[in-house]
Amino acid sequence: MKSFAIRIEHDLLGDKDVPADVYYGVHTLRAVENFSITSQTIGDCPDLICALASVKEAAALANRDLGLLDARRTDAIVTACREIRAGAFHEQFVVDQIQGGAGTSTNMNANEVIANRALEHMGYARGDYSQIHPNEHVNMGQSTNDVYPTALKIATWFGIRSLLDAMGVLRHAFDAKAVEFADILKMGRTQLQDAVPMTLGQEFRTYAVMLSEDEARLEEVTNLIREINMGATAIGTGITAHPRYGALVCQHLATITGIPLVTAPDLIEATQDCGAFVQVSGVLKRVAVKLSKVCNDLRLLSSGPRAGFGEINLPARQAGSSIMPGKVNPVIPEVVNQVAFEVIGNDVTISFAAEAGQLQLNAFEPVIAYSLFRSLAHLRAACLTLQANCVVGITANRERLQASVTHSIGIVTALNPYIGYRSATEVALEAHATGRGVYELVLEKGLMPREQLDAVLQPDMLTKPQLFEPRH
């Protein structure tokens, strides 16, 4: 039978065997045994691990500046943190993302990994906490209650930046289609009924503008997550922290992350308030709702191919049916729709979790983090998938679009300024009843000369405001 080397670590519950080859310790191991919820560890969220390492590095540097941590220990801790920020040891962060304890298990997982790696840099064995202790040295001047929300905000900042990049890629794709389709006339619709003409380019430009507006909202919300509560320690009073520690750690953390971080003006309020995460989630929900609306449009406009709208063609990505030969489904818009549904649900979870916090701390930040990071990651993936696997390959059915305009009663609206609403209504009713075209009926009734009618029904006249002589 194969034997495994162990080391014995101790906590307030007693001694526990820890595998000798791991960097985490007893607190982490108990958390692994307690929380088996999602099968996703905090190590599966690189932004969070890098954020935690950034916080611990900044704390060590601040404590060094204050003369509370000697240079040798500081250098070892900082080196370990920088290795983690570079991508090393993420597999050692093994606690489930959803956990009890307000994130304490996450903080201790970081403290233990950093301490044991720092011990190696100093030439000591893992677990020799007399030299570097997870709580005494790595966690000096800190509490889970300021470390964890600060790390969440830093990770959220980088998640938003990644999402913004992906939204920009998708927006440029819609912009390119708007230019490609600028000369294609089609019928606009309201309430699924024929309305007035527009160009297909105008329709696709709308989608680019929608994304642009939401990019601006995301940029705005980043200001809320620049405010951190480092120095608050347990409930915001700063107990066990040096009076100058909060300002110093914020300065170091801003330098390490490149984020213009500021210390919250009231640390007691900042330690218990999750409003910033609610606000971010609300903007993500807005992005999701609008992306889903766009995908609804794409599915509707491409419906058919013969018995539906059939105005555009989405690129065929896979066979659509196990029983119907030749069927191709709009699978890419469909998957984006489903991401949107998930994000909307995550927003509900985040809202309930933020509301459920009591008194000086919210114990439910782990599920806020889990839901928020999923929304950010999945929206980013959805934008890139929609761009690469759908939007860039969309083509227009020009003949069908032209026919819909030619045979639509909706173009009579453009004639209102010239023949009047009453005459236009009569033409519309007769066209609908007889199946005849508006063009021929207007000429037949002598309501407009052919030259004027031809000029009015040009695409650039039908799709933007025009000057016209008032009727008398």
Protein backbone atom coordinates (compact mmCIF):
# COMPACT_ATOMS: atom_id res chain seq x y z
CA MET A 1 0.00 0.00 0.00
CA LYS A 2 1.40 3.36 -1.01
CA SER A 3 2.20 5.73 1.85
CA PHE A 4 2.14 9.52 1.65
CA ALA A 5 4.38 11.87 3.58
CA ILE A 6 2.56 14.21 5.93
CA ARG A 7 3.27 17.10 8.23
CA ILE A 8 1.22 17.83 11.34
CA GLU A 9 -0.33 21.26 11.69
CA HIS A 10 -2.38 22.65 14.54
CA ASP A 11 -5.34 25.01 14.82
CA LEU A 12 -7.90 25.76 17.52
CA LEU A 13 -9.65 22.43 16.81
CA GLY A 14 -6.48 20.42 17.32
CA ASP A 15 -3.82 18.62 15.27
CA LYS A 16 -4.40 17.56 11.66
CA ASP A 17 -2.37 15.64 9.10
CA VAL A 18 -1.56 17.76 6.05
CA PRO A 19 0.09 16.30 2.91
CA ALA A 20 3.73 17.30 3.07
CA ASP A 21 3.94 18.31 -0.58
CA VAL A 22 1.16 20.94 -0.57
CA TYR A 23 1.56 24.65 0.12
CA TYR A 24 -1.77 25.11 1.87
CA GLY A 25 -2.27 24.15 5.49
CA VAL A 26 -4.71 23.06 8.16
CA HIS A 27 -7.23 25.87 7.76
CA THR A 28 -7.48 25.26 4.03
CA LEU A 29 -7.78 21.52 4.50
CA ARG A 30 -10.67 21.88 6.93
CA ALA A 31 -12.42 24.20 4.48
CA VAL A 32 -12.00 21.65 1.69
CA GLU A 33 -13.63 19.04 3.91
CA ASN A 34 -16.45 21.40 4.91
CA PHE A 35 -17.40 22.93 1.57
CA SER A 36 -18.04 20.69 -1.40
CA ILE A 37 -20.57 22.79 -3.29
CA THR A 38 -19.63 23.87 -6.81
CA SER A 39 -16.64 21.69 -7.80
CA GLN A 40 -15.01 25.02 -8.71
CA THR A 41 -12.16 26.21 -6.54
CA ILE A 42 -10.96 29.74 -6.02
CA GLY A 43 -7.92 28.66 -8.04
CA ASP A 44 -10.23 28.40 -11.05
CA CYS A 45 -10.57 32.20 -10.91
CA PRO A 46 -7.10 33.55 -11.80
CA ASP A 47 -8.10 37.20 -11.40
CA LEU A 48 -9.10 36.56 -7.79
CA ILE A 49 -5.88 34.69 -6.95
CA CYS A 50 -3.75 37.42 -8.50
CA ALA A 51 -5.79 40.02 -6.59
CA LEU A 52 -5.24 38.19 -3.29
CA ALA A 53 -1.51 37.98 -3.95
CA SER A 54 -1.46 41.69 -4.79
CA VAL A 55 -3.17 42.53 -1.48
CA LYS A 56 -0.72 40.38 0.51
CA GLU A 57 2.27 41.89 -1.28
CA ALA A 58 1.03 45.41 -0.61
CA ALA A 59 0.39 44.57 3.04
CA ALA A 60 3.90 43.18 3.50
CA LEU A 61 5.44 46.29 1.94
CA ALA A 62 3.34 48.59 4.10
CA ASN A 63 4.28 46.72 7.26
CA ARG A 64 7.95 46.86 6.24
CA ASP A 65 7.67 50.63 5.76
CA LEU A 66 6.21 50.90 9.26
CA GLY A 67 9.04 48.83 10.76
CA LEU A 68 6.68 46.02 11.74
CA LEU A 69 8.01 43.35 9.35
CA ASP A 70 11.73 42.74 8.88
CA ALA A 71 13.32 42.93 5.44
CA ARG A 72 14.06 39.21 5.16
CA ARG A 73 10.49 38.11 5.80
CA THR A 74 9.16 40.92 3.63
CA ASP A 75 11.33 39.89 0.69
CA ALA A 76 10.28 36.25 1.01
CA ILE A 77 6.57 37.11 1.18
CA VAL A 78 6.80 39.58 -1.70
CA THR A 79 8.67 37.06 -3.87
CA ALA A 80 6.03 34.41 -3.21
CA CYS A 81 3.24 36.88 -4.04
CA ARG A 82 4.89 37.88 -7.29
CA GLU A 83 5.25 34.23 -8.30
CA ILE A 84 1.53 33.74 -7.71
CA ARG A 85 0.69 36.88 -9.65
CA ALA A 86 2.77 35.45 -12.51
CA GLY A 87 0.57 32.34 -12.56
CA ALA A 88 2.39 29.94 -10.25
CA PHE A 89 0.77 27.83 -7.52
CA HIS A 90 -2.83 28.58 -8.51
CA GLU A 91 -3.58 24.86 -8.16
CA GLN A 92 -2.84 25.24 -4.44
CA PHE A 93 -5.91 27.43 -3.99
CA VAL A 94 -8.31 24.57 -3.41
CA VAL A 95 -11.20 25.99 -1.39
CA ASP A 96 -14.65 25.90 -3.00
CA GLN A 97 -15.75 29.26 -4.36
CA ILE A 98 -18.98 29.12 -2.34
CA GLN A 99 -18.12 28.80 1.35
CA GLY A 100 -19.32 29.81 4.76
CA GLY A 101 -17.33 32.22 6.88
CA ALA A 102 -17.47 35.41 4.80
CA GLY A 103 -14.39 34.44 2.80
CA THR A 104 -12.18 33.48 5.75
CA SER A 105 -11.27 30.17 4.09
CA THR A 106 -10.17 32.01 0.96
CA ASN A 107 -8.03 34.42 2.97
CA MET A 108 -6.45 31.60 4.96
CA ASN A 109 -5.78 29.58 1.82
CA ALA A 110 -3.83 32.58 0.51
CA ASN A 111 -2.03 33.14 3.81
CA GLU A 112 -0.91 29.50 4.02
CA VAL A 113 0.24 29.17 0.42
CA ILE A 114 2.21 32.41 0.61
CA ALA A 115 3.71 31.55 4.00
CA ASN A 116 4.87 28.10 2.93
CA ARG A 117 6.34 29.35 -0.34
CA ALA A 118 8.05 32.20 1.52
CA LEU A 119 9.50 29.65 3.97
CA GLU A 120 11.09 27.83 1.04
CA HIS A 121 12.65 31.08 -0.18
CA MET A 122 14.15 31.52 3.29
CA GLY A 123 15.47 27.95 3.34
CA TYR A 124 12.97 26.47 5.76
CA ALA A 125 10.55 23.57 5.43
CA ARG A 126 6.87 24.01 4.72
CA GLY A 127 4.93 24.20 7.94
CA ASP A 128 7.78 25.78 9.96
CA TYR A 129 5.55 28.61 11.04
CA SER A 130 7.92 29.77 13.76
CA GLN A 131 9.81 31.53 10.97
CA ILE A 132 6.92 32.84 8.85
CA HIS A 133 3.40 32.40 10.17
CA PRO A 134 0.29 32.65 7.95
CA ASN A 135 -1.51 34.82 10.51
CA GLU A 136 1.30 36.61 12.33
CA HIS A 137 3.26 37.68 9.26
CA VAL A 138 1.36 37.20 5.98
CA ASN A 139 -1.91 38.44 7.52
CA MET A 140 -0.30 41.18 9.63
CA GLY A 141 -2.55 44.22 10.03
CA GLN A 142 -5.35 42.53 8.12
CA SER A 143 -8.63 40.71 8.50
CA THR A 144 -10.57 38.63 6.02
CA ASN A 145 -13.10 41.45 6.23
CA ASP A 146 -10.85 43.95 4.48
CA VAL A 147 -8.68 41.57 2.44
CA TYR A 148 -11.51 39.63 0.81
CA PRO A 149 -13.73 42.51 -0.43
CA THR A 150 -10.64 44.39 -1.60
CA ALA A 151 -9.49 41.38 -3.60
CA LEU A 152 -12.99 40.98 -5.03
CA LYS A 153 -12.98 44.58 -6.22
CA ILE A 154 -9.56 44.22 -7.85
CA ALA A 155 -10.62 41.00 -9.58
CA THR A 156 -13.86 42.64 -10.67
CA TRP A 157 -11.92 45.58 -12.12
CA PHE A 158 -9.85 43.27 -14.31
CA GLY A 159 -12.94 41.22 -15.21
CA ILE A 160 -14.66 44.38 -16.41
CA ARG A 161 -11.62 45.37 -18.47
CA SER A 162 -11.66 41.97 -20.18
CA LEU A 163 -15.39 42.23 -20.83
CA LEU A 164 -14.98 45.73 -22.27
CA ASP A 165 -12.34 44.43 -24.69
CA ALA A 166 -14.71 41.70 -25.86
CA MET A 167 -17.62 44.11 -26.21
CA GLY A 168 -15.41 46.33 -28.33
CA VAL A 169 -14.62 43.41 -30.64
CA LEU A 170 -18.32 42.67 -31.06
CA ARG A 171 -19.19 46.34 -31.57
CA HIS A 172 -16.61 46.67 -34.36
CA ALA A 173 -18.15 43.62 -36.06
CA PHE A 174 -21.60 45.20 -36.02
CA ASP A 175 -20.13 48.49 -37.24
CA ALA A 176 -18.50 46.68 -40.17
CA LYS A 177 -21.82 45.06 -41.09
CA ALA A 178 -23.52 48.46 -40.88
CA VAL A 179 -21.12 49.77 -43.51
CA GLU A 180 -21.49 46.64 -45.66
CA PHE A 181 -25.30 46.85 -45.57
CA ALA A 182 -25.59 50.65 -45.85
CA ASP A 183 -27.21 50.58 -49.31
CA ILE A 184 -29.75 47.81 -48.67
CA LEU A 185 -33.29 49.08 -48.22
CA LYS A 186 -35.71 47.07 -46.08
CA MET A 187 -38.90 47.50 -44.10
CA GLY A 188 -38.64 48.46 -40.47
CA ARG A 189 -41.18 46.89 -38.16
CA THR A 190 -42.93 47.89 -34.97
CA GLN A 191 -44.89 45.30 -32.98
CA LEU A 192 -43.95 42.83 -35.75
CA GLN A 193 -46.01 44.84 -38.25
CA ASP A 194 -44.68 46.70 -41.29
CA ALA A 195 -43.69 50.23 -40.31
CA VAL A 196 -41.53 52.41 -42.56
CA PRO A 197 -38.43 51.77 -44.66
CA MET A 198 -34.91 51.81 -43.29
CA THR A 199 -31.61 50.36 -44.40
CA LEU A 200 -30.20 47.11 -43.12
CA GLY A 201 -27.11 49.13 -42.29
CA GLN A 202 -29.15 51.34 -39.97
CA GLU A 203 -30.49 48.24 -38.25
CA PHE A 204 -27.01 46.84 -37.61
CA ARG A 205 -25.66 50.26 -36.59
CA THR A 206 -28.21 50.21 -33.79
CA TYR A 207 -26.62 47.09 -32.34
CA ALA A 208 -23.21 48.76 -32.33
CA VAL A 209 -24.65 51.82 -30.57
CA MET A 210 -26.32 49.61 -27.94
CA LEU A 211 -22.98 48.05 -27.11
CA SER A 212 -21.26 51.42 -27.06
CA GLU A 213 -23.77 52.76 -24.53
CA ASP A 214 -23.22 49.78 -22.25
CA GLU A 215 -19.46 50.10 -22.54
CA ALA A 216 -19.87 53.63 -21.19
CA ARG A 217 -22.00 52.38 -18.29
CA LEU A 218 -19.35 49.80 -17.40
CA GLU A 219 -16.65 52.47 -17.46
CA GLU A 220 -18.73 54.54 -15.05
CA VAL A 221 -19.26 51.70 -12.59
CA THR A 222 -15.53 51.04 -12.28
CA ASN A 223 -15.31 54.20 -10.18
CA LEU A 224 -17.30 52.45 -7.45
CA ILE A 225 -14.90 49.54 -7.18
CA ARG A 226 -11.82 51.75 -6.87
CA GLU A 227 -12.81 52.37 -3.25
CA ILE A 228 -11.31 49.79 -0.88
CA ASN A 229 -11.42 49.19 2.88
CA MET A 230 -7.87 47.98 3.59
CA GLY A 231 -6.99 49.06 7.12
CA ALA A 232 -10.50 48.38 8.35
CA THR A 233 -9.53 44.97 9.79
CA ALA A 234 -12.47 43.25 11.49
CA ILE A 235 -15.37 45.72 11.36
CA GLY A 236 -13.85 48.97 10.16
CA THR A 237 -12.39 50.33 13.38
CA GLY A 238 -8.86 49.38 12.35
CA ILE A 239 -8.12 47.38 15.48
CA THR A 240 -4.61 45.73 15.37
CA ALA A 241 -3.56 47.90 12.40
CA HIS A 242 -1.03 50.75 12.56
CA PRO A 243 -2.65 54.21 12.13
CA ARG A 244 -0.70 54.80 8.91
CA TYR A 245 -1.14 51.28 7.57
CA GLY A 246 -4.36 51.88 5.57
CA ALA A 247 -2.95 54.73 3.53
CA LEU A 248 0.35 52.93 2.91
CA VAL A 249 -1.21 49.65 1.83
CA CYS A 250 -3.55 51.50 -0.56
CA GLN A 251 -0.59 53.29 -2.15
CA HIS A 252 1.36 50.06 -2.61
CA LEU A 253 -1.69 48.22 -3.93
CA ALA A 254 -2.43 50.94 -6.47
CA THR A 255 1.16 50.69 -7.72
CA ILE A 256 1.06 46.89 -7.91
CA THR A 257 -2.29 46.65 -9.72
CA GLY A 258 -2.20 49.82 -11.81
CA ILE A 259 -5.69 50.67 -10.52
CA PRO A 260 -6.26 54.19 -9.10
CA LEU A 261 -7.44 52.84 -5.76
CA VAL A 262 -8.65 55.05 -2.91
CA THR A 263 -9.39 54.29 0.73
CA ALA A 264 -13.07 54.50 1.64
CA PRO A 265 -13.87 57.59 3.76
CA ASP A 266 -15.80 55.51 6.31
CA LEU A 267 -14.27 52.08 6.85
CA ILE A 268 -17.09 50.80 9.05
CA GLU A 269 -19.62 51.51 6.31
CA ALA A 270 -17.33 50.15 3.60
CA THR A 271 -16.79 46.86 5.46
CA GLN A 272 -20.48 46.00 5.60
CA ASP A 273 -21.74 47.54 2.35
CA CYS A 274 -21.92 45.44 -0.83
CA GLY A 275 -23.63 48.14 -2.89
CA ALA A 276 -20.77 48.41 -5.37
CA PHE A 277 -21.17 44.76 -6.35
CA VAL A 278 -24.93 45.22 -6.71
CA GLN A 279 -24.30 48.18 -9.02
CA VAL A 280 -21.80 46.27 -11.15
CA SER A 281 -24.18 43.33 -11.41
CA GLY A 282 -27.00 45.66 -12.43
CA VAL A 283 -24.93 46.98 -15.32
CA LEU A 284 -24.01 43.43 -16.33
CA LYS A 285 -27.72 42.59 -16.33
CA ARG A 286 -28.30 45.58 -18.61
CA VAL A 287 -25.61 44.31 -20.99
CA ALA A 288 -27.15 40.84 -20.91
CA VAL A 289 -30.69 42.08 -21.59
CA LYS A 290 -29.60 44.13 -24.59
CA LEU A 291 -27.36 41.39 -25.99
CA SER A 292 -30.27 38.98 -25.71
CA LYS A 293 -32.55 41.43 -27.51
CA VAL A 294 -30.04 41.69 -30.35
CA CYS A 295 -29.85 37.91 -30.59
CA ASN A 296 -33.65 37.71 -30.66
CA ASP A 297 -33.56 40.07 -33.65
CA LEU A 298 -30.90 38.02 -35.42
CA ARG A 299 -32.91 34.83 -34.95
CA LEU A 300 -36.09 36.51 -36.18
CA LEU A 301 -34.51 38.22 -39.19
CA SER A 302 -32.88 34.94 -40.24
CA SER A 303 -35.97 32.80 -39.60
CA GLY A 304 -37.04 30.47 -42.37
CA PRO A 305 -35.15 30.12 -44.56
CA ARG A 306 -38.30 30.16 -46.75
CA ALA A 307 -41.25 30.22 -44.39
CA GLY A 308 -39.94 33.00 -42.15
CA PHE A 309 -38.50 36.49 -42.54
CA GLY A 310 -35.42 35.21 -44.35
CA GLU A 311 -33.91 38.70 -44.63
CA ILE A 312 -30.42 37.74 -43.46
CA ASN A 313 -28.42 34.53 -43.38
CA LEU A 314 -26.51 33.49 -40.29
CA PRO A 315 -23.44 31.35 -40.93
CA ALA A 316 -24.23 27.64 -40.69
CA ARG A 317 -22.31 26.26 -37.72
CA GLN A 318 -23.67 22.72 -37.35
CA ALA A 319 -26.46 20.38 -38.38
CA GLY A 320 -29.66 21.43 -36.68
CA SER A 321 -31.64 18.25 -36.30
CA SER A 322 -31.29 14.56 -35.74
CA ILE A 323 -34.45 13.92 -37.78
CA MET A 324 -34.93 16.82 -40.24
CA PRO A 325 -32.33 16.72 -43.04
CA GLY A 326 -30.86 20.07 -44.04
CA LYS A 327 -32.11 21.96 -41.02
CA VAL A 328 -29.70 24.54 -39.60
CA ASN A 329 -30.46 26.36 -36.36
CA PRO A 330 -29.29 29.75 -35.03
CA VAL A 331 -27.21 28.08 -32.34
CA ILE A 332 -24.85 31.00 -31.65
CA PRO A 333 -27.57 33.57 -30.84
CA GLU A 334 -29.28 30.84 -28.82
CA VAL A 335 -26.25 30.26 -26.62
CA VAL A 336 -25.87 34.00 -26.06
CA ASN A 337 -29.53 34.17 -25.04
CA GLN A 338 -28.85 31.50 -22.45
CA VAL A 339 -25.84 33.37 -21.06
CA ALA A 340 -28.10 36.40 -20.71
CA PHE A 341 -30.65 34.38 -18.76
CA GLU A 342 -27.87 33.19 -16.45
CA VAL A 343 -26.58 36.73 -15.87
CA ILE A 344 -30.07 37.95 -15.01
CA GLY A 345 -30.37 35.11 -12.50
CA ASN A 346 -26.94 35.92 -11.07
CA ASP A 347 -28.10 39.49 -10.53
CA VAL A 348 -30.99 38.22 -8.43
CA THR A 349 -28.59 36.11 -6.37
CA ILE A 350 -26.24 39.05 -5.82
CA SER A 351 -29.14 41.31 -4.81
CA PHE A 352 -30.41 38.83 -2.22
CA ALA A 353 -26.90 38.18 -0.87
CA ALA A 354 -26.16 41.90 -0.50
CA GLU A 355 -29.48 42.46 1.25
CA ALA A 356 -28.93 39.56 3.66
CA GLY A 357 -25.84 40.98 5.35
CA GLN A 358 -26.32 41.77 9.03
CA LEU A 359 -24.81 44.54 11.12
CA GLN A 360 -21.07 45.11 10.55
CA LEU A 361 -20.34 42.39 7.97
CA ASN A 362 -21.90 40.62 5.03
CA ALA A 363 -21.22 36.89 5.36
CA PHE A 364 -22.44 36.15 1.86
CA GLU A 365 -19.74 37.79 -0.24
CA PRO A 366 -18.51 34.37 -1.50
CA VAL A 367 -21.74 33.77 -3.46
CA ILE A 368 -21.63 37.39 -4.64
CA ALA A 369 -18.12 36.76 -5.97
CA TYR A 370 -19.08 33.43 -7.51
CA SER A 371 -22.07 34.92 -9.31
CA LEU A 372 -20.34 38.12 -10.36
CA PHE A 373 -17.26 36.43 -11.79
CA ARG A 374 -19.40 33.96 -13.73
CA SER A 375 -21.40 36.83 -15.21
CA LEU A 376 -18.24 38.66 -16.25
CA ALA A 377 -16.54 35.59 -17.71
CA HIS A 378 -19.58 34.23 -19.52
CA LEU A 379 -20.59 37.59 -20.98
CA ARG A 380 -17.05 38.04 -22.27
CA ALA A 381 -17.10 34.59 -23.87
CA ALA A 382 -20.56 35.23 -25.30
CA CYS A 383 -19.47 38.47 -26.97
CA LEU A 384 -16.44 36.85 -28.56
CA THR A 385 -18.45 33.80 -29.65
CA LEU A 386 -21.17 35.95 -31.19
CA GLN A 387 -18.60 38.02 -33.06
CA ALA A 388 -16.45 35.19 -34.39
CA ASN A 389 -19.06 32.51 -35.02
CA CYS A 390 -22.00 34.61 -36.18
CA VAL A 391 -21.80 38.34 -36.87
CA VAL A 392 -18.77 38.40 -39.17
CA GLY A 393 -20.40 35.78 -41.41
CA ILE A 394 -23.87 37.32 -41.74
CA THR A 395 -25.04 37.95 -45.29
CA ALA A 396 -28.10 39.76 -46.63
CA ASN A 397 -30.84 38.43 -48.91
CA ARG A 398 -30.96 41.56 -51.05
CA GLU A 399 -33.73 40.44 -53.40
CA ARG A 400 -36.04 39.45 -50.56
CA LEU A 401 -35.42 42.70 -48.76
CA GLN A 402 -36.12 44.72 -51.90
CA ALA A 403 -39.31 42.79 -52.55
CA SER A 404 -40.56 43.44 -49.02
CA VAL A 405 -40.18 47.19 -49.57
CA THR A 406 -41.73 47.14 -53.03
CA HIS A 407 -44.80 45.24 -51.86
CA SER A 408 -45.16 46.85 -48.46
CA ILE A 409 -48.02 49.16 -47.64
CA GLY A 410 -45.71 50.84 -45.16
CA ILE A 411 -44.08 53.04 -47.79
CA VAL A 412 -47.31 55.02 -48.01
CA THR A 413 -46.22 56.77 -44.78
CA ALA A 414 -43.51 58.53 -46.77
CA LEU A 415 -46.21 60.01 -48.99
CA ASN A 416 -48.17 61.66 -46.16
CA PRO A 417 -46.52 65.08 -46.61
CA TYR A 418 -47.39 65.03 -50.33
CA ILE A 419 -50.86 63.49 -50.60
CA GLY A 420 -52.16 63.90 -47.06
CA TYR A 421 -53.02 61.40 -44.35
CA ARG A 422 -56.57 60.79 -45.63
CA SER A 423 -55.52 59.96 -49.19
CA ALA A 424 -52.60 57.90 -47.90
CA THR A 425 -55.00 55.89 -45.72
CA GLU A 426 -57.30 55.24 -48.67
CA VAL A 427 -54.35 54.04 -50.76
CA ALA A 428 -53.17 51.78 -47.94
CA LEU A 429 -56.59 50.22 -47.44
CA GLU A 430 -57.05 49.57 -51.16
CA ALA A 431 -53.56 48.14 -51.50
CA HIS A 432 -54.24 45.80 -48.59
CA ALA A 433 -57.63 44.74 -49.93
CA THR A 434 -56.56 44.19 -53.52
CA GLY A 435 -52.93 43.13 -53.19
CA ARG A 436 -51.90 45.91 -55.55
CA GLY A 437 -48.86 48.08 -54.94
CA VAL A 438 -48.88 51.54 -53.39
CA TYR A 439 -46.81 52.90 -56.26
CA GLU A 440 -49.27 51.95 -58.98
CA LEU A 441 -52.31 53.09 -57.00
CA VAL A 442 -50.85 56.55 -56.35
CA LEU A 443 -50.13 56.96 -60.05
CA GLU A 444 -53.52 55.61 -61.05
CA LYS A 445 -55.32 58.06 -58.78
CA GLY A 446 -53.21 60.95 -60.02
CA LEU A 447 -52.11 61.83 -56.53
CA MET A 448 -48.49 62.48 -57.56
CA PRO A 449 -46.59 62.75 -60.84
CA ARG A 450 -44.29 59.83 -61.59
CA GLU A 451 -41.10 61.90 -61.38
CA GLN A 452 -41.95 63.21 -57.94
CA LEU A 453 -43.05 59.77 -56.73
CA ASP A 454 -39.81 58.18 -57.96
CA ALA A 455 -37.78 60.85 -56.19
CA VAL A 456 -39.67 60.45 -52.90
CA LEU A 457 -39.27 56.69 -52.90
CA GLN A 458 -35.47 56.75 -53.24
CA PRO A 459 -33.63 55.04 -50.37
CA ASP A 460 -31.99 58.21 -49.06
CA MET A 461 -35.37 59.95 -49.05
CA LEU A 462 -37.08 57.09 -47.22
CA THR A 463 -34.55 56.64 -44.43
CA LYS A 464 -33.85 60.10 -43.04
CA PRO A 465 -35.59 63.45 -42.41
CA GLN A 466 -36.35 65.56 -45.50
CA LEU A 467 -37.45 69.09 -46.25
CA PHE A 468 -40.75 69.36 -48.14
CA GLU A 469 -43.19 72.06 -49.15
CA PRO A 470 -46.18 72.35 -46.80
CA ARG A 471 -49.56 71.29 -48.22
CA HIS A 472 -52.29 73.94 -48.46
